[in-house]
Every structure is written in C-alpha cells, then in structure tokens.
C-alpha cells in the first residue's frame, strides 16, 4: 500500500474532509450495559455526522470496530454502509505513522512518471482514544501522532466525553446553553501562553459563565489579567503551582475529585519539558472513562467546543460590543 493509494481513495470519495480514528485495544472492546460495545453505540448514535467524513482507520480499530467480517477481503468493508474510508496498517507496525502523514503536509507519489507534489494534510479531526490499560501513550508513534495533530491544529479528541460533545454539537454547528455550574481548567506551556491569552479574550463571553476557572501558576498570572479585564472577577480564578512545580498534578487531583469538567491544555510540541511525567499523568487521568472529562489540547479543538455554547446573554453582549 502506498501513500498514493490512500489519498486516491480519499479523492475519489468526494468527501472533501477526512477524520482519523485510532482506538486502543482495551478502549475499543469496552462493554457498557446490555453487552453493548461502547464504540458501536457511539457510531450507531452518530452515523449522520460520521458519514460526512472520509475515515482513515488503523487496522486493529478497523477490524474490531468497523469491519463487516463477512466481506473481510474488501479493503474497506464497513458494517455501517453509511461510512466510507480506508484501513491503514496496524498502529504499531506503521499505521500510526501513516495516520500522522495524513495530518501533515507531505509529498505524494504521482503515477505515470509525474513528479511528486505537495498536498495539504487531509485529516482535520483526529479521534485518538485509549484506556489506561492500553498504555498507548508509552509508544513513541502515539506521541508523534499527538505532536503532529497539535502542530497542525486539528481538532484532537482524546476522551469519550469530548468525542460525544463534538458529535452532538460541534460537528453540525449546533448550540447549547451554558449554565453557571461548570468548572474549567486552563493550562498552557510557555510557547503557548500568548495563544491562550488570545483564546480567553476571544471567548470571554462564554468564560464569564463558568463558576470557577482553575489554572496553573504561570498561566494564571498571565491569563488572569486578561480574564479580569474581560469582566471575570478574580475570586473566580484559582491559581495552582506552576506546571514544573506540581501544578499539573494539582489539577489532576481536582479532576479525580470531580471538581473539573473541562480542561483546555495548550501543549507546546516543539519544546521538551522537565515535568513530562506530570503532563502524562494529567493526560492519563483525563482518559479515565468514569471521570467524563472534556479535554482539549489544540486551539481548534478548544474553540470548536466553546463556540457550541450560545444563549441570549452572550448573543446580546456580542451585539452591544459590535455596536
């Protein structure tokens, strides 16, 4: 299989946008009540949304989740006729690298003697789910895939709660009301702090509706001034320690205790971090399915989520400001 074959399948599908799907072994075989597989239920409930995307799926996920085993000789034989896509190699034998290539801008082989040409990464939404039992994040290919998604600012969904919210509201531009019973955690690495400041100013009207905003120390010192200037009282902002001094672990504890529902974590993929173990701890805690955490680690993903909140107060405030 060549890169040309996969891209050719995408181009011939006429979808115009692609979605990547990688689900760890334990996560894709997780069973809910009534012996219903969790991924099966998600796909059944969201076929209309998923059918609008061409799907690139690693082989293990394809075999366990997508494949119609009565037609297993077909390169794409989905048990859901609405879904169209392409099965890549197994994740640990090259499929994760192939997936990352679909996100990156890359040279693609041309046949009939034509020279290679540059094609923009076609995946704009990346679903990457794992269970702590999978230990998927320990593989360098998984971490490389995450870095590619962050670097190219795709919508990266790494928890079931984030995935369900995206399918229910964001994918089709639906809106919901935000009540005053929510808590959000904000974290940004040094190379992403300015991006976080821009993000909170852009989405200040929605952020005003949160009861509490928890930040790591340095992020809070920078972002806090912007939040207060946007009308968010300082007593709503709780600053933990800085990340390298334990702030990520403190926020992870808040998550375990059920005090945080949403986490926006702008990761800098271009810089090494001395507290990498703390970062991975926070990431792993968010993947615990029983906690129902909405984790967003790219600007595109965070903005897609927060734009789904809409109510008359926010709309009126925007109109007044526009005038």
C-alpha atoms as a PDB file:
ATOM      1  CA  UNK A   1       0.000   0.000   0.000  1.00  0.00           C
ATOM      2  CA  UNK A   2       1.381   3.426  -0.927  1.00  0.00           C
ATOM      3  CA  UNK A   3       0.510   6.902   0.212  1.00  0.00           C
ATOM      4  CA  UNK A   4      -0.844   7.436  -3.293  1.00  0.00           C
ATOM      5  CA  UNK A   5      -3.379   4.618  -2.826  1.00  0.00           C
ATOM      6  CA  UNK A   6      -4.784   6.062   0.404  1.00  0.00           C
ATOM      7  CA  UNK A   7      -5.009   9.619  -0.939  1.00  0.00           C
ATOM      8  CA  UNK A   8      -6.511   8.354  -4.203  1.00  0.00           C
ATOM      9  CA  UNK A   9      -9.254   6.622  -2.205  1.00  0.00           C
ATOM     10  CA  UNK A  10      -9.927   9.864  -0.344  1.00  0.00           C
ATOM     11  CA  UNK A  11     -10.043  11.978  -3.518  1.00  0.00           C
ATOM     12  CA  UNK A  12     -12.368   9.528  -5.257  1.00  0.00           C
ATOM     13  CA  UNK A  13     -14.758   9.603  -2.291  1.00  0.00           C
ATOM     14  CA  UNK A  14     -15.672  13.273  -2.956  1.00  0.00           C
ATOM     15  CA  UNK A  15     -15.984  13.856   0.798  1.00  0.00           C
ATOM     16  CA  UNK A  16     -13.671  16.854   0.959  1.00  0.00           C
ATOM     17  CA  UNK A  17     -12.737  16.289   4.599  1.00  0.00           C
ATOM     18  CA  UNK A  18     -11.268  13.371   6.493  1.00  0.00           C
ATOM     19  CA  UNK A  19     -11.351  12.033  10.027  1.00  0.00           C
ATOM     20  CA  UNK A  20      -8.704   9.861  11.677  1.00  0.00           C
ATOM     21  CA  UNK A  21      -9.743   7.095  14.065  1.00  0.00           C
ATOM     22  CA  UNK A  22      -7.401   5.234  16.422  1.00  0.00           C
ATOM     23  CA  UNK A  23      -8.801   3.381  19.426  1.00  0.00           C
ATOM     24  CA  UNK A  24      -6.651   1.342  21.815  1.00  0.00           C
ATOM     25  CA  UNK A  25      -7.455  -2.350  22.261  1.00  0.00           C
ATOM     26  CA  UNK A  26      -8.968  -2.043  25.742  1.00  0.00           C
ATOM     27  CA  UNK A  27     -10.912   1.083  24.799  1.00  0.00           C
ATOM     28  CA  UNK A  28     -12.405  -0.381  21.625  1.00  0.00           C
ATOM     29  CA  UNK A  29     -13.566  -3.565  23.365  1.00  0.00           C
ATOM     30  CA  UNK A  30     -15.075  -1.777  26.358  1.00  0.00           C
ATOM     31  CA  UNK A  31     -18.593  -3.008  27.034  1.00  0.00           C
ATOM     32  CA  UNK A  32     -21.371  -0.962  28.608  1.00  0.00           C
ATOM     33  CA  UNK A  33     -24.697  -2.165  29.966  1.00  0.00           C
ATOM     34  CA  UNK A  34     -26.708  -4.725  27.959  1.00  0.00           C
ATOM     35  CA  UNK A  35     -23.441  -6.083  26.480  1.00  0.00           C
ATOM     36  CA  UNK A  36     -23.243  -3.109  24.109  1.00  0.00           C
ATOM     37  CA  UNK A  37     -19.780  -2.179  22.911  1.00  0.00           C
ATOM     38  CA  UNK A  38     -19.046   1.466  23.622  1.00  0.00           C
ATOM     39  CA  UNK A  39     -17.658   2.317  20.193  1.00  0.00           C
ATOM     40  CA  UNK A  40     -20.545   0.528  18.481  1.00  0.00           C
ATOM     41  CA  UNK A  41     -23.001   2.618  20.453  1.00  0.00           C
ATOM     42  CA  UNK A  42     -21.167   5.829  19.628  1.00  0.00           C
ATOM     43  CA  UNK A  43     -21.106   5.077  15.900  1.00  0.00           C
ATOM     44  CA  UNK A  44     -24.744   3.935  15.845  1.00  0.00           C
ATOM     45  CA  UNK A  45     -25.801   7.164  17.559  1.00  0.00           C
ATOM     46  CA  UNK A  46     -23.751   9.408  15.266  1.00  0.00           C
ATOM     47  CA  UNK A  47     -23.861   7.833  11.817  1.00  0.00           C
ATOM     48  CA  UNK A  48     -25.215  11.003  10.226  1.00  0.00           C
ATOM     49  CA  UNK A  49     -22.247  13.029  11.457  1.00  0.00           C
ATOM     50  CA  UNK A  50     -19.577  10.411  10.734  1.00  0.00           C
ATOM     51  CA  UNK A  51     -20.900   9.732   7.238  1.00  0.00           C
ATOM     52  CA  UNK A  52     -19.882  13.265   6.240  1.00  0.00           C
ATOM     53  CA  UNK A  53     -16.205  12.364   6.706  1.00  0.00           C
ATOM     54  CA  UNK A  54     -13.872  10.024   4.887  1.00  0.00           C
ATOM     55  CA  UNK A  55     -12.369   7.870   7.636  1.00  0.00           C
ATOM     56  CA  UNK A  56      -8.736   6.794   7.935  1.00  0.00           C
ATOM     57  CA  UNK A  57      -8.648   3.942  10.472  1.00  0.00           C
ATOM     58  CA  UNK A  58      -5.728   1.885  11.791  1.00  0.00           C
ATOM     59  CA  UNK A  59      -6.053  -1.861  11.142  1.00  0.00           C
ATOM     60  CA  UNK A  60      -6.829  -3.019  14.692  1.00  0.00           C
ATOM     61  CA  UNK A  61      -9.545  -0.405  15.130  1.00  0.00           C
ATOM     62  CA  UNK A  62     -10.903  -1.227  11.683  1.00  0.00           C
ATOM     63  CA  UNK A  63     -11.032  -4.955  12.436  1.00  0.00           C
ATOM     64  CA  UNK A  64     -12.663  -4.640  15.879  1.00  0.00           C
ATOM     65  CA  UNK A  65     -14.940  -1.639  15.283  1.00  0.00           C
ATOM     66  CA  UNK A  66     -15.667  -1.008  11.602  1.00  0.00           C
ATOM     67  CA  UNK A  67     -15.193  -4.194   9.604  1.00  0.00           C
ATOM     68  CA  UNK A  68     -18.022  -6.311   8.281  1.00  0.00           C
ATOM     69  CA  UNK A  69     -16.319  -9.674   8.707  1.00  0.00           C
ATOM     70  CA  UNK A  70     -18.485 -11.317   6.082  1.00  0.00           C
ATOM     71  CA  UNK A  71     -16.681  -9.165   3.494  1.00  0.00           C
ATOM     72  CA  UNK A  72     -13.227  -9.130   5.032  1.00  0.00           C
ATOM     73  CA  UNK A  73     -11.418  -9.414   1.681  1.00  0.00           C
ATOM     74  CA  UNK A  74     -12.558  -5.924   0.762  1.00  0.00           C
ATOM     75  CA  UNK A  75     -10.060  -3.142   1.593  1.00  0.00           C
ATOM     76  CA  UNK A  76     -12.970  -1.222   3.146  1.00  0.00           C
ATOM     77  CA  UNK A  77     -15.935  -3.349   4.167  1.00  0.00           C
ATOM     78  CA  UNK A  78     -17.854  -1.452   6.829  1.00  0.00           C
ATOM     79  CA  UNK A  79     -20.741  -2.994   8.737  1.00  0.00           C
ATOM     80  CA  UNK A  80     -22.252   0.506   8.507  1.00  0.00           C
ATOM     81  CA  UNK A  81     -22.980   1.168   4.829  1.00  0.00           C
ATOM     82  CA  UNK A  82     -23.056   4.918   5.548  1.00  0.00           C
ATOM     83  CA  UNK A  83     -19.336   5.001   6.398  1.00  0.00           C
ATOM     84  CA  UNK A  84     -16.632   5.359   3.778  1.00  0.00           C
ATOM     85  CA  UNK A  85     -12.926   5.167   4.433  1.00  0.00           C
ATOM     86  CA  UNK A  86      -9.576   3.427   4.169  1.00  0.00           C
ATOM     87  CA  UNK A  87      -7.929   0.910   6.504  1.00  0.00           C
ATOM     88  CA  UNK A  88      -4.270   1.664   7.223  1.00  0.00           C
ATOM     89  CA  UNK A  89      -1.688  -0.724   8.651  1.00  0.00           C
ATOM     90  CA  UNK A  90      -1.788  -1.857  12.261  1.00  0.00           C
ATOM     91  CA  UNK A  91      -0.951   1.021  14.583  1.00  0.00           C
ATOM     92  CA  UNK A  92       2.258  -0.444  15.966  1.00  0.00           C
ATOM     93  CA  UNK A  93       3.518  -1.649  12.569  1.00  0.00           C
ATOM     94  CA  UNK A  94       3.280   1.632  10.700  1.00  0.00           C
ATOM     95  CA  UNK A  95      -0.386   2.634  10.880  1.00  0.00           C
ATOM     96  CA  UNK A  96       0.190   5.414  13.401  1.00  0.00           C
ATOM     97  CA  UNK A  97       2.957   6.821  11.199  1.00  0.00           C
ATOM     98  CA  UNK A  98       0.615   6.654   8.193  1.00  0.00           C
ATOM     99  CA  UNK A  99      -2.054   8.447  10.224  1.00  0.00           C
ATOM    100  CA  UNK A 100       0.383  11.203  11.174  1.00  0.00           C
ATOM    101  CA  UNK A 101       1.256  11.566   7.488  1.00  0.00           C
ATOM    102  CA  UNK A 102      -2.428  12.199   6.701  1.00  0.00           C
ATOM    103  CA  UNK A 103      -2.300  15.131   9.126  1.00  0.00           C
ATOM    104  CA  UNK A 104       0.979  16.613   7.930  1.00  0.00           C
ATOM    105  CA  UNK A 105       1.625  18.412   4.670  1.00  0.00           C
ATOM    106  CA  UNK A 106       3.599  15.937   2.620  1.00  0.00           C
ATOM    107  CA  UNK A 107       4.843  14.921  -0.807  1.00  0.00           C
ATOM    108  CA  UNK A 108       2.606  12.387  -2.518  1.00  0.00           C
ATOM    109  CA  UNK A 109       3.700   9.993  -5.242  1.00  0.00           C
ATOM    110  CA  UNK A 110       2.282  10.582  -8.717  1.00  0.00           C
ATOM    111  CA  UNK A 111       1.943   7.780 -11.184  1.00  0.00           C
ATOM    112  CA  UNK A 112       2.643   7.747 -14.940  1.00  0.00           C
ATOM    113  CA  UNK A 113       6.020   9.372 -14.407  1.00  0.00           C
ATOM    114  CA  UNK A 114       4.729  12.651 -12.988  1.00  0.00           C
ATOM    115  CA  UNK A 115       6.811  14.239 -10.260  1.00  0.00           C
ATOM    116  CA  UNK A 116       5.708  14.183  -6.630  1.00  0.00           C
ATOM    117  CA  UNK A 117       3.585  17.077  -5.485  1.00  0.00           C
ATOM    118  CA  UNK A 118       2.821  18.722  -2.156  1.00  0.00           C
ATOM    119  CA  UNK A 119      -0.600  18.029  -0.638  1.00  0.00           C
ATOM    120  CA  UNK A 120      -2.026  19.602   2.491  1.00  0.00           C
ATOM    121  CA  UNK A 121      -2.844  17.204   5.329  1.00  0.00           C
ATOM    122  CA  UNK A 122      -6.393  15.964   4.797  1.00  0.00           C
ATOM    123  CA  UNK A 123      -7.315  14.982   8.374  1.00  0.00           C
ATOM    124  CA  UNK A 124      -8.973  17.862  10.216  1.00  0.00           C
ATOM    125  CA  UNK A 125     -10.498  15.823  13.063  1.00  0.00           C
ATOM    126  CA  UNK A 126      -8.430  13.200  14.889  1.00  0.00           C
ATOM    127  CA  UNK A 127     -10.069  10.749  17.299  1.00  0.00           C
ATOM    128  CA  UNK A 128      -7.435   9.109  19.490  1.00  0.00           C
ATOM    129  CA  UNK A 129      -8.930   7.102  22.336  1.00  0.00           C
ATOM    130  CA  UNK A 130      -7.143   4.854  24.787  1.00  0.00           C
ATOM    131  CA  UNK A 131      -7.731   3.301  28.160  1.00  0.00           C
ATOM    132  CA  UNK A 132      -5.064   3.437  30.899  1.00  0.00           C
ATOM    133  CA  UNK A 133      -4.889  -0.345  30.465  1.00  0.00           C
ATOM    134  CA  UNK A 134      -3.698   0.136  26.891  1.00  0.00           C
ATOM    135  CA  UNK A 135      -0.560   2.084  27.787  1.00  0.00           C
ATOM    136  CA  UNK A 136      -0.808   3.501  24.273  1.00  0.00           C
ATOM    137  CA  UNK A 137       0.751   6.810  25.226  1.00  0.00           C
ATOM    138  CA  UNK A 138       4.003   4.977  26.008  1.00  0.00           C
ATOM    139  CA  UNK A 139       4.562   4.260  22.308  1.00  0.00           C
ATOM    140  CA  UNK A 140       6.621   6.928  20.514  1.00  0.00           C
ATOM    141  CA  UNK A 141       4.347   6.663  17.468  1.00  0.00           C
ATOM    142  CA  UNK A 142       1.348   7.734  19.565  1.00  0.00           C
ATOM    143  CA  UNK A 143       3.219  10.688  20.963  1.00  0.00           C
ATOM    144  CA  UNK A 144       4.413  11.625  17.489  1.00  0.00           C
ATOM    145  CA  UNK A 145       0.816  11.478  16.227  1.00  0.00           C
ATOM    146  CA  UNK A 146      -0.309  13.783  19.036  1.00  0.00           C
ATOM    147  CA  UNK A 147       2.509  16.212  18.236  1.00  0.00           C
ATOM    148  CA  UNK A 148       1.508  16.260  14.559  1.00  0.00           C
ATOM    149  CA  UNK A 149      -2.114  16.954  15.491  1.00  0.00           C
ATOM    150  CA  UNK A 150      -1.108  19.808  17.789  1.00  0.00           C
ATOM    151  CA  UNK A 151       1.378  21.267  15.340  1.00  0.00           C
ATOM    152  CA  UNK A 152      -1.217  21.286  12.561  1.00  0.00           C
ATOM    153  CA  UNK A 153      -4.002  22.482  14.881  1.00  0.00           C
ATOM    154  CA  UNK A 154      -6.538  19.796  14.051  1.00  0.00           C
ATOM    155  CA  UNK A 155      -9.479  19.025  16.321  1.00  0.00           C
ATOM    156  CA  UNK A 156      -7.969  16.339  18.551  1.00  0.00           C
ATOM    157  CA  UNK A 157     -10.420  14.281  20.624  1.00  0.00           C
ATOM    158  CA  UNK A 158      -8.816  12.037  23.242  1.00  0.00           C
ATOM    159  CA  UNK A 159     -11.646  11.352  25.699  1.00  0.00           C
ATOM    160  CA  UNK A 160     -15.108   9.875  25.163  1.00  0.00           C
ATOM    161  CA  UNK A 161     -16.709  12.911  26.788  1.00  0.00           C
ATOM    162  CA  UNK A 162     -15.004  15.238  24.306  1.00  0.00           C
ATOM    163  CA  UNK A 163     -15.874  12.886  21.454  1.00  0.00           C
ATOM    164  CA  UNK A 164     -19.562  12.728  22.358  1.00  0.00           C
ATOM    165  CA  UNK A 165     -19.758  16.503  22.742  1.00  0.00           C
ATOM    166  CA  UNK A 166     -18.124  17.024  19.357  1.00  0.00           C
ATOM    167  CA  UNK A 167     -20.557  14.658  17.632  1.00  0.00           C
ATOM    168  CA  UNK A 168     -23.607  16.065  19.396  1.00  0.00           C
ATOM    169  CA  UNK A 169     -22.934  19.775  18.958  1.00  0.00           C
ATOM    170  CA  UNK A 170     -19.741  20.809  17.206  1.00  0.00           C
ATOM    171  CA  UNK A 171     -19.697  18.724  14.038  1.00  0.00           C
ATOM    172  CA  UNK A 172     -23.020  20.155  12.839  1.00  0.00           C
ATOM    173  CA  UNK A 173     -22.727  23.606  14.395  1.00  0.00           C
ATOM    174  CA  UNK A 174     -25.456  23.037  16.966  1.00  0.00           C
ATOM    175  CA  UNK A 175     -25.575  25.172  20.101  1.00  0.00           C
ATOM    176  CA  UNK A 176     -26.387  24.580  23.736  1.00  0.00           C
ATOM    177  CA  UNK A 177     -26.871  26.729  26.802  1.00  0.00           C
ATOM    178  CA  UNK A 178     -24.056  27.007  29.342  1.00  0.00           C
ATOM    179  CA  UNK A 179     -25.270  27.059  32.931  1.00  0.00           C
ATOM    180  CA  UNK A 180     -23.387  28.597  35.843  1.00  0.00           C
ATOM    181  CA  UNK A 181     -22.438  25.197  37.224  1.00  0.00           C
ATOM    182  CA  UNK A 182     -19.246  24.498  35.338  1.00  0.00           C
ATOM    183  CA  UNK A 183     -15.552  24.481  36.195  1.00  0.00           C
ATOM    184  CA  UNK A 184     -12.756  24.737  33.624  1.00  0.00           C
ATOM    185  CA  UNK A 185      -9.034  24.150  33.944  1.00  0.00           C
ATOM    186  CA  UNK A 186      -6.644  26.237  31.820  1.00  0.00           C
ATOM    187  CA  UNK A 187      -3.031  25.213  31.239  1.00  0.00           C
ATOM    188  CA  UNK A 188      -0.556  26.493  28.662  1.00  0.00           C
ATOM    189  CA  UNK A 189       3.102  25.754  28.139  1.00  0.00           C
ATOM    190  CA  UNK A 190       5.434  28.731  27.779  1.00  0.00           C
ATOM    191  CA  UNK A 191       5.382  28.594  23.982  1.00  0.00           C
ATOM    192  CA  UNK A 192       1.561  28.596  24.016  1.00  0.00           C
ATOM    193  CA  UNK A 193       0.780  31.189  26.691  1.00  0.00           C
ATOM    194  CA  UNK A 194       0.215  34.035  24.238  1.00  0.00           C
ATOM    195  CA  UNK A 195      -2.106  31.749  22.270  1.00  0.00           C
ATOM    196  CA  UNK A 196      -4.016  31.027  25.483  1.00  0.00           C
ATOM    197  CA  UNK A 197      -4.313  34.766  26.227  1.00  0.00           C
ATOM    198  CA  UNK A 198      -5.796  35.335  22.773  1.00  0.00           C
ATOM    199  CA  UNK A 199      -8.137  32.401  23.250  1.00  0.00           C
ATOM    200  CA  UNK A 200      -9.590  33.631  26.570  1.00  0.00           C
ATOM    201  CA  UNK A 201     -10.137  37.122  25.152  1.00  0.00           C
ATOM    202  CA  UNK A 202     -11.849  35.739  22.040  1.00  0.00           C
ATOM    203  CA  UNK A 203     -14.156  33.525  24.125  1.00  0.00           C
ATOM    204  CA  UNK A 204     -14.577  35.813  27.135  1.00  0.00           C
ATOM    205  CA  UNK A 205     -18.379  35.862  26.953  1.00  0.00           C
ATOM    206  CA  UNK A 206     -18.626  32.085  27.374  1.00  0.00           C
ATOM    207  CA  UNK A 207     -15.905  32.026  30.040  1.00  0.00           C
ATOM    208  CA  UNK A 208     -17.887  34.508  32.142  1.00  0.00           C
ATOM    209  CA  UNK A 209     -20.483  31.787  32.617  1.00  0.00           C
ATOM    210  CA  UNK A 210     -18.113  29.464  34.440  1.00  0.00           C
ATOM    211  CA  UNK A 211     -18.350  29.347  38.207  1.00  0.00           C
ATOM    212  CA  UNK A 212     -14.647  28.688  38.617  1.00  0.00           C
ATOM    213  CA  UNK A 213     -11.536  28.810  36.449  1.00  0.00           C
ATOM    214  CA  UNK A 214      -8.546  26.815  37.683  1.00  0.00           C
ATOM    215  CA  UNK A 215      -5.121  27.482  36.176  1.00  0.00           C
ATOM    216  CA  UNK A 216      -1.540  26.508  36.710  1.00  0.00           C
ATOM    217  CA  UNK A 217       0.506  29.275  38.290  1.00  0.00           C
ATOM    218  CA  UNK A 218       2.328  30.967  35.440  1.00  0.00           C
ATOM    219  CA  UNK A 219      -0.576  30.580  33.050  1.00  0.00           C
ATOM    220  CA  UNK A 220      -2.881  32.145  35.647  1.00  0.00           C
ATOM    221  CA  UNK A 221      -0.520  35.061  36.205  1.00  0.00           C
ATOM    222  CA  UNK A 222      -0.679  35.964  32.507  1.00  0.00           C
ATOM    223  CA  UNK A 223      -4.213  34.944  31.638  1.00  0.00           C
ATOM    224  CA  UNK A 224      -5.714  36.226  34.885  1.00  0.00           C
ATOM    225  CA  UNK A 225      -5.162  39.859  33.927  1.00  0.00           C
ATOM    226  CA  UNK A 226      -6.940  39.311  30.617  1.00  0.00           C
ATOM    227  CA  UNK A 227      -9.804  37.482  32.318  1.00  0.00           C
ATOM    228  CA  UNK A 228     -10.291  40.255  34.864  1.00  0.00           C
ATOM    229  CA  UNK A 229     -10.167  42.883  32.114  1.00  0.00           C
ATOM    230  CA  UNK A 230     -12.945  40.920  30.399  1.00  0.00           C
ATOM    231  CA  UNK A 231     -15.153  41.209  33.459  1.00  0.00           C
ATOM    232  CA  UNK A 232     -14.374  37.898  35.180  1.00  0.00           C
ATOM    233  CA  UNK A 233     -13.924  38.517  38.936  1.00  0.00           C
ATOM    234  CA  UNK A 234     -10.573  37.487  40.393  1.00  0.00           C
ATOM    235  CA  UNK A 235     -12.291  35.365  43.037  1.00  0.00           C
ATOM    236  CA  UNK A 236     -13.427  33.005  40.261  1.00  0.00           C
ATOM    237  CA  UNK A 237      -9.800  32.311  39.262  1.00  0.00           C
ATOM    238  CA  UNK A 238      -7.833  29.747  41.297  1.00  0.00           C
ATOM    239  CA  UNK A 239      -4.117  29.545  40.617  1.00  0.00           C
ATOM    240  CA  UNK A 240      -2.250  26.344  41.411  1.00  0.00           C
ATOM    241  CA  UNK A 241       1.532  25.952  41.361  1.00  0.00           C
ATOM    242  CA  UNK A 242       3.322  26.292  38.038  1.00  0.00           C
ATOM    243  CA  UNK A 243       3.436  23.099  35.971  1.00  0.00           C
ATOM    244  CA  UNK A 244       7.083  22.195  36.689  1.00  0.00           C
ATOM    245  CA  UNK A 245       6.445  22.729  40.410  1.00  0.00           C
ATOM    246  CA  UNK A 246       3.426  20.443  40.619  1.00  0.00           C
ATOM    247  CA  UNK A 247       0.567  22.437  39.112  1.00  0.00           C
ATOM    248  CA  UNK A 248      -0.341  19.734  36.593  1.00  0.00           C
ATOM    249  CA  UNK A 249      -0.569  17.179  39.401  1.00  0.00           C
ATOM    250  CA  UNK A 250      -2.728  19.537  41.473  1.00  0.00           C
ATOM    251  CA  UNK A 251      -5.148  19.933  38.581  1.00  0.00           C
ATOM    252  CA  UNK A 252      -5.125  16.154  38.077  1.00  0.00           C
ATOM    253  CA  UNK A 253      -6.221  15.798  41.717  1.00  0.00           C
ATOM    254  CA  UNK A 254      -9.032  18.294  41.154  1.00  0.00           C
ATOM    255  CA  UNK A 255     -10.152  16.147  38.218  1.00  0.00           C
ATOM    256  CA  UNK A 256     -10.070  12.940  40.287  1.00  0.00           C
ATOM    257  CA  UNK A 257     -12.150  14.632  42.979  1.00  0.00           C
ATOM    258  CA  UNK A 258     -14.778  15.618  40.414  1.00  0.00           C
ATOM    259  CA  UNK A 259     -14.120  19.344  40.671  1.00  0.00           C
ATOM    260  CA  UNK A 260     -13.266  19.971  36.988  1.00  0.00           C
ATOM    261  CA  UNK A 261     -15.347  19.022  33.952  1.00  0.00           C
ATOM    262  CA  UNK A 262     -13.396  20.739  31.165  1.00  0.00           C
ATOM    263  CA  UNK A 263      -9.645  21.099  30.607  1.00  0.00           C
ATOM    264  CA  UNK A 264      -8.056  23.296  27.943  1.00  0.00           C
ATOM    265  CA  UNK A 265      -4.366  22.393  27.811  1.00  0.00           C
ATOM    266  CA  UNK A 266      -2.333  24.129  25.110  1.00  0.00           C
ATOM    267  CA  UNK A 267       0.693  21.873  24.737  1.00  0.00           C
ATOM    268  CA  UNK A 268       3.868  23.138  23.068  1.00  0.00           C
ATOM    269  CA  UNK A 269       5.002  20.212  20.884  1.00  0.00           C
ATOM    270  CA  UNK A 270       8.240  21.926  19.874  1.00  0.00           C
ATOM    271  CA  UNK A 271       9.813  22.104  23.335  1.00  0.00           C
ATOM    272  CA  UNK A 272      10.933  19.407  25.771  1.00  0.00           C
ATOM    273  CA  UNK A 273       9.551  19.690  29.292  1.00  0.00           C
ATOM    274  CA  UNK A 274      11.322  18.724  32.534  1.00  0.00           C
ATOM    275  CA  UNK A 275       7.981  17.738  34.086  1.00  0.00           C
ATOM    276  CA  UNK A 276       6.940  15.409  31.252  1.00  0.00           C
ATOM    277  CA  UNK A 277       5.838  12.747  33.764  1.00  0.00           C
ATOM    278  CA  UNK A 278       3.408  15.240  35.326  1.00  0.00           C
ATOM    279  CA  UNK A 279       1.997  16.130  31.899  1.00  0.00           C
ATOM    280  CA  UNK A 280       1.467  12.463  31.032  1.00  0.00           C
ATOM    281  CA  UNK A 281      -0.149  11.889  34.435  1.00  0.00           C
ATOM    282  CA  UNK A 282      -2.700  14.610  33.749  1.00  0.00           C
ATOM    283  CA  UNK A 283      -3.317  13.245  30.252  1.00  0.00           C
ATOM    284  CA  UNK A 284      -3.795   9.704  31.601  1.00  0.00           C
ATOM    285  CA  UNK A 285      -6.174  10.819  34.367  1.00  0.00           C
ATOM    286  CA  UNK A 286      -8.345  12.561  31.783  1.00  0.00           C
ATOM    287  CA  UNK A 287      -8.610   9.290  29.855  1.00  0.00           C
ATOM    288  CA  UNK A 288     -10.324   7.512  32.768  1.00  0.00           C
ATOM    289  CA  UNK A 289     -13.782   6.918  31.312  1.00  0.00           C
ATOM    290  CA  UNK A 290     -15.622   7.174  34.623  1.00  0.00           C
ATOM    291  CA  UNK A 291     -14.488  10.776  35.121  1.00  0.00           C
ATOM    292  CA  UNK A 292     -16.149  12.181  31.956  1.00  0.00           C
ATOM    293  CA  UNK A 293     -13.587  14.884  31.255  1.00  0.00           C
ATOM    294  CA  UNK A 294     -13.713  17.098  28.180  1.00  0.00           C
ATOM    295  CA  UNK A 295     -10.011  17.549  27.348  1.00  0.00           C
ATOM    296  CA  UNK A 296      -8.942  19.891  24.522  1.00  0.00           C
ATOM    297  CA  UNK A 297      -5.250  20.230  23.687  1.00  0.00           C
ATOM    298  CA  UNK A 298      -5.377  22.209  20.441  1.00  0.00           C
ATOM    299  CA  UNK A 299      -6.757  25.682  19.788  1.00  0.00           C
ATOM    300  CA  UNK A 300      -9.001  24.295  17.055  1.00  0.00           C
ATOM    301  CA  UNK A 301     -10.480  21.729  19.432  1.00  0.00           C
ATOM    302  CA  UNK A 302     -10.933  24.183  22.297  1.00  0.00           C
ATOM    303  CA  UNK A 303     -12.575  26.773  20.057  1.00  0.00           C
ATOM    304  CA  UNK A 304     -14.826  24.206  18.393  1.00  0.00           C
ATOM    305  CA  UNK A 305     -16.068  23.188  21.835  1.00  0.00           C
ATOM    306  CA  UNK A 306     -16.601  26.592  23.428  1.00  0.00           C
ATOM    307  CA  UNK A 307     -18.293  28.030  20.331  1.00  0.00           C
ATOM    308  CA  UNK A 308     -21.051  25.459  20.795  1.00  0.00           C
ATOM    309  CA  UNK A 309     -22.306  27.408  23.812  1.00  0.00           C
ATOM    310  CA  UNK A 310     -24.858  30.012  22.932  1.00  0.00           C
ATOM    311  CA  UNK A 311     -27.525  31.886  24.883  1.00  0.00           C
ATOM    312  CA  UNK A 312     -29.294  35.224  24.686  1.00  0.00           C
ATOM    313  CA  UNK A 313     -26.972  36.861  27.195  1.00  0.00           C
ATOM    314  CA  UNK A 314     -23.870  36.015  25.169  1.00  0.00           C
ATOM    315  CA  UNK A 315     -25.519  36.962  21.872  1.00  0.00           C
ATOM    316  CA  UNK A 316     -26.728  40.291  23.267  1.00  0.00           C
ATOM    317  CA  UNK A 317     -23.305  41.079  24.734  1.00  0.00           C
ATOM    318  CA  UNK A 318     -21.702  40.406  21.345  1.00  0.00           C
ATOM    319  CA  UNK A 319     -24.198  42.689  19.595  1.00  0.00           C
ATOM    320  CA  UNK A 320     -23.642  45.506  22.083  1.00  0.00           C
ATOM    321  CA  UNK A 321     -19.867  45.191  21.730  1.00  0.00           C
ATOM    322  CA  UNK A 322     -20.135  45.185  17.920  1.00  0.00           C
ATOM    323  CA  UNK A 323     -22.012  48.463  18.050  1.00  0.00           C
END
